[in-house]
């Protein structure tokens, strides 16, 4: 059970931290896109009480928690495998077109260097 809580902490705590660098650093998306993605990742945690009620009412094989934990980790493993197998898109702005080197700054539409 302690390993379960540790693994949930790693997945739930590590994935949003990875998203920050990917969405804002690599893809340079707007803040609302990052906020939307973070909300979607946190959405299953919001339904935890519903899943708890379901596994109490509908036991699988006479057990209430163990089959649901296994099923949840299987879905998590498949989703992480699908993410790992998906190729990354091209970076939005961090590579200079003519030199193929990473930019250290960029210029916004208003002319400000970032």
C-alpha atoms as a PDB file:
ATOM      1  CA  UNK A   1       0.000   0.000   0.000  1.00  0.00           C
ATOM      2  CA  UNK A   2       2.886   2.367   0.711  1.00  0.00           C
ATOM      3  CA  UNK A   3       4.316   1.639  -2.725  1.00  0.00           C
ATOM      4  CA  UNK A   4       0.920   2.546  -4.193  1.00  0.00           C
ATOM      5  CA  UNK A   5       0.943   5.950  -2.491  1.00  0.00           C
ATOM      6  CA  UNK A   6       4.565   6.536  -3.492  1.00  0.00           C
ATOM      7  CA  UNK A   7       3.833   5.716  -7.148  1.00  0.00           C
ATOM      8  CA  UNK A   8       0.754   7.958  -7.181  1.00  0.00           C
ATOM      9  CA  UNK A   9       2.863  10.781  -5.775  1.00  0.00           C
ATOM     10  CA  UNK A  10       5.503  10.304  -8.454  1.00  0.00           C
ATOM     11  CA  UNK A  11       2.980  10.244 -11.306  1.00  0.00           C
ATOM     12  CA  UNK A  12       0.714  12.974  -9.946  1.00  0.00           C
ATOM     13  CA  UNK A  13       3.596  15.196  -8.832  1.00  0.00           C
ATOM     14  CA  UNK A  14       6.002  14.546 -11.686  1.00  0.00           C
ATOM     15  CA  UNK A  15       3.741  14.814 -14.706  1.00  0.00           C
ATOM     16  CA  UNK A  16       2.588  18.411 -14.108  1.00  0.00           C
ATOM     17  CA  UNK A  17       6.192  19.507 -13.518  1.00  0.00           C
ATOM     18  CA  UNK A  18       7.200  17.985 -16.845  1.00  0.00           C
ATOM     19  CA  UNK A  19       4.286  19.689 -18.564  1.00  0.00           C
ATOM     20  CA  UNK A  20       5.463  23.133 -17.462  1.00  0.00           C
ATOM     21  CA  UNK A  21       8.786  22.875 -19.264  1.00  0.00           C
ATOM     22  CA  UNK A  22       7.299  21.160 -22.299  1.00  0.00           C
ATOM     23  CA  UNK A  23       4.363  23.472 -22.926  1.00  0.00           C
ATOM     24  CA  UNK A  24       5.896  26.792 -21.918  1.00  0.00           C
ATOM     25  CA  UNK A  25       9.561  26.174 -22.723  1.00  0.00           C
ATOM     26  CA  UNK A  26       9.561  23.814 -25.691  1.00  0.00           C
ATOM     27  CA  UNK A  27       6.297  24.687 -27.434  1.00  0.00           C
ATOM     28  CA  UNK A  28       5.978  28.287 -26.159  1.00  0.00           C
ATOM     29  CA  UNK A  29       2.190  28.061 -25.944  1.00  0.00           C
ATOM     30  CA  UNK A  30      -0.046  30.638 -24.295  1.00  0.00           C
ATOM     31  CA  UNK A  31      -0.686  30.376 -20.585  1.00  0.00           C
ATOM     32  CA  UNK A  32      -4.335  29.365 -21.067  1.00  0.00           C
ATOM     33  CA  UNK A  33      -3.268  26.285 -23.065  1.00  0.00           C
ATOM     34  CA  UNK A  34      -0.947  25.215 -20.255  1.00  0.00           C
ATOM     35  CA  UNK A  35      -3.677  25.862 -17.671  1.00  0.00           C
ATOM     36  CA  UNK A  36      -6.143  23.779 -19.702  1.00  0.00           C
ATOM     37  CA  UNK A  37      -3.707  20.864 -19.988  1.00  0.00           C
ATOM     38  CA  UNK A  38      -2.977  20.997 -16.254  1.00  0.00           C
ATOM     39  CA  UNK A  39      -6.696  20.948 -15.485  1.00  0.00           C
ATOM     40  CA  UNK A  40      -7.262  17.950 -17.762  1.00  0.00           C
ATOM     41  CA  UNK A  41      -4.422  16.043 -16.065  1.00  0.00           C
ATOM     42  CA  UNK A  42      -5.897  16.803 -12.623  1.00  0.00           C
ATOM     43  CA  UNK A  43      -9.481  15.961 -13.631  1.00  0.00           C
ATOM     44  CA  UNK A  44      -9.396  12.230 -12.731  1.00  0.00           C
ATOM     45  CA  UNK A  45      -8.227  13.149  -9.217  1.00  0.00           C
ATOM     46  CA  UNK A  46     -11.421  15.189  -8.850  1.00  0.00           C
ATOM     47  CA  UNK A  47     -13.532  12.078  -9.411  1.00  0.00           C
ATOM     48  CA  UNK A  48     -11.699  10.022  -6.793  1.00  0.00           C
ATOM     49  CA  UNK A  49     -14.761   9.886  -4.532  1.00  0.00           C
ATOM     50  CA  UNK A  50     -16.873   8.494  -7.382  1.00  0.00           C
ATOM     51  CA  UNK A  51     -14.326   5.761  -8.146  1.00  0.00           C
ATOM     52  CA  UNK A  52     -14.169   4.925  -4.437  1.00  0.00           C
ATOM     53  CA  UNK A  53     -17.929   4.478  -4.282  1.00  0.00           C
ATOM     54  CA  UNK A  54     -17.896   2.296  -7.400  1.00  0.00           C
ATOM     55  CA  UNK A  55     -15.243  -0.067  -6.072  1.00  0.00           C
ATOM     56  CA  UNK A  56     -17.082  -0.374  -2.754  1.00  0.00           C
ATOM     57  CA  UNK A  57     -20.397  -1.216  -4.435  1.00  0.00           C
ATOM     58  CA  UNK A  58     -19.097  -3.370  -7.321  1.00  0.00           C
ATOM     59  CA  UNK A  59     -16.340  -5.684  -6.077  1.00  0.00           C
ATOM     60  CA  UNK A  60     -14.422  -7.631  -8.717  1.00  0.00           C
ATOM     61  CA  UNK A  61     -13.747 -11.262  -7.840  1.00  0.00           C
ATOM     62  CA  UNK A  62     -14.875 -10.705  -4.265  1.00  0.00           C
ATOM     63  CA  UNK A  63     -12.236  -7.998  -3.666  1.00  0.00           C
ATOM     64  CA  UNK A  64     -12.942  -4.308  -3.468  1.00  0.00           C
ATOM     65  CA  UNK A  65      -9.648  -2.526  -3.956  1.00  0.00           C
ATOM     66  CA  UNK A  66      -6.953  -4.755  -5.447  1.00  0.00           C
ATOM     67  CA  UNK A  67      -8.539  -5.335  -8.915  1.00  0.00           C
ATOM     68  CA  UNK A  68      -9.309  -1.635  -9.278  1.00  0.00           C
ATOM     69  CA  UNK A  69      -5.761  -0.679  -8.293  1.00  0.00           C
ATOM     70  CA  UNK A  70      -4.386  -3.128 -10.854  1.00  0.00           C
ATOM     71  CA  UNK A  71      -6.790  -1.860 -13.520  1.00  0.00           C
ATOM     72  CA  UNK A  72      -5.883   1.760 -12.767  1.00  0.00           C
ATOM     73  CA  UNK A  73      -2.151   1.089 -13.012  1.00  0.00           C
ATOM     74  CA  UNK A  74      -2.669  -0.848 -16.239  1.00  0.00           C
ATOM     75  CA  UNK A  75      -4.508   2.128 -17.770  1.00  0.00           C
ATOM     76  CA  UNK A  76      -1.803   4.471 -16.459  1.00  0.00           C
ATOM     77  CA  UNK A  77       0.967   2.303 -17.944  1.00  0.00           C
ATOM     78  CA  UNK A  78      -0.793   2.165 -21.318  1.00  0.00           C
ATOM     79  CA  UNK A  79      -1.297   5.931 -21.355  1.00  0.00           C
ATOM     80  CA  UNK A  80       2.339   6.606 -20.446  1.00  0.00           C
ATOM     81  CA  UNK A  81       3.483   4.123 -23.079  1.00  0.00           C
ATOM     82  CA  UNK A  82       1.321   5.897 -25.682  1.00  0.00           C
ATOM     83  CA  UNK A  83       2.862   9.234 -24.656  1.00  0.00           C
ATOM     84  CA  UNK A  84       6.356   7.794 -24.938  1.00  0.00           C
ATOM     85  CA  UNK A  85       5.610   6.323 -28.375  1.00  0.00           C
ATOM     86  CA  UNK A  86       4.228   9.591 -29.762  1.00  0.00           C
ATOM     87  CA  UNK A  87       6.868  11.662 -31.580  1.00  0.00           C
ATOM     88  CA  UNK A  88       7.478  15.182 -30.307  1.00  0.00           C
ATOM     89  CA  UNK A  89       6.348  18.112 -32.441  1.00  0.00           C
ATOM     90  CA  UNK A  90       8.913  20.575 -33.687  1.00  0.00           C
ATOM     91  CA  UNK A  91       9.820  23.278 -31.178  1.00  0.00           C
ATOM     92  CA  UNK A  92       7.871  26.462 -31.699  1.00  0.00           C
ATOM     93  CA  UNK A  93      10.604  29.062 -31.616  1.00  0.00           C
ATOM     94  CA  UNK A  94      13.721  27.905 -29.843  1.00  0.00           C
ATOM     95  CA  UNK A  95      15.799  26.919 -32.924  1.00  0.00           C
ATOM     96  CA  UNK A  96      17.114  29.551 -35.314  1.00  0.00           C
ATOM     97  CA  UNK A  97      16.130  28.832 -38.888  1.00  0.00           C
ATOM     98  CA  UNK A  98      19.441  29.554 -40.592  1.00  0.00           C
ATOM     99  CA  UNK A  99      21.987  28.328 -38.005  1.00  0.00           C
ATOM    100  CA  UNK A 100      20.195  25.321 -36.428  1.00  0.00           C
ATOM    101  CA  UNK A 101      21.283  26.508 -32.968  1.00  0.00           C
ATOM    102  CA  UNK A 102      19.078  27.212 -29.979  1.00  0.00           C
ATOM    103  CA  UNK A 103      18.032  30.823 -29.538  1.00  0.00           C
ATOM    104  CA  UNK A 104      18.923  32.549 -26.310  1.00  0.00           C
ATOM    105  CA  UNK A 105      16.162  35.133 -26.748  1.00  0.00           C
ATOM    106  CA  UNK A 106      13.329  35.992 -29.086  1.00  0.00           C
ATOM    107  CA  UNK A 107      11.492  39.152 -30.036  1.00  0.00           C
ATOM    108  CA  UNK A 108       7.768  39.431 -29.284  1.00  0.00           C
ATOM    109  CA  UNK A 109       5.237  41.097 -31.581  1.00  0.00           C
ATOM    110  CA  UNK A 110       5.571  44.304 -29.570  1.00  0.00           C
ATOM    111  CA  UNK A 111       9.341  44.369 -30.213  1.00  0.00           C
ATOM    112  CA  UNK A 112      10.381  43.337 -26.697  1.00  0.00           C
ATOM    113  CA  UNK A 113      13.255  40.843 -26.337  1.00  0.00           C
ATOM    114  CA  UNK A 114      12.432  37.865 -24.165  1.00  0.00           C
END
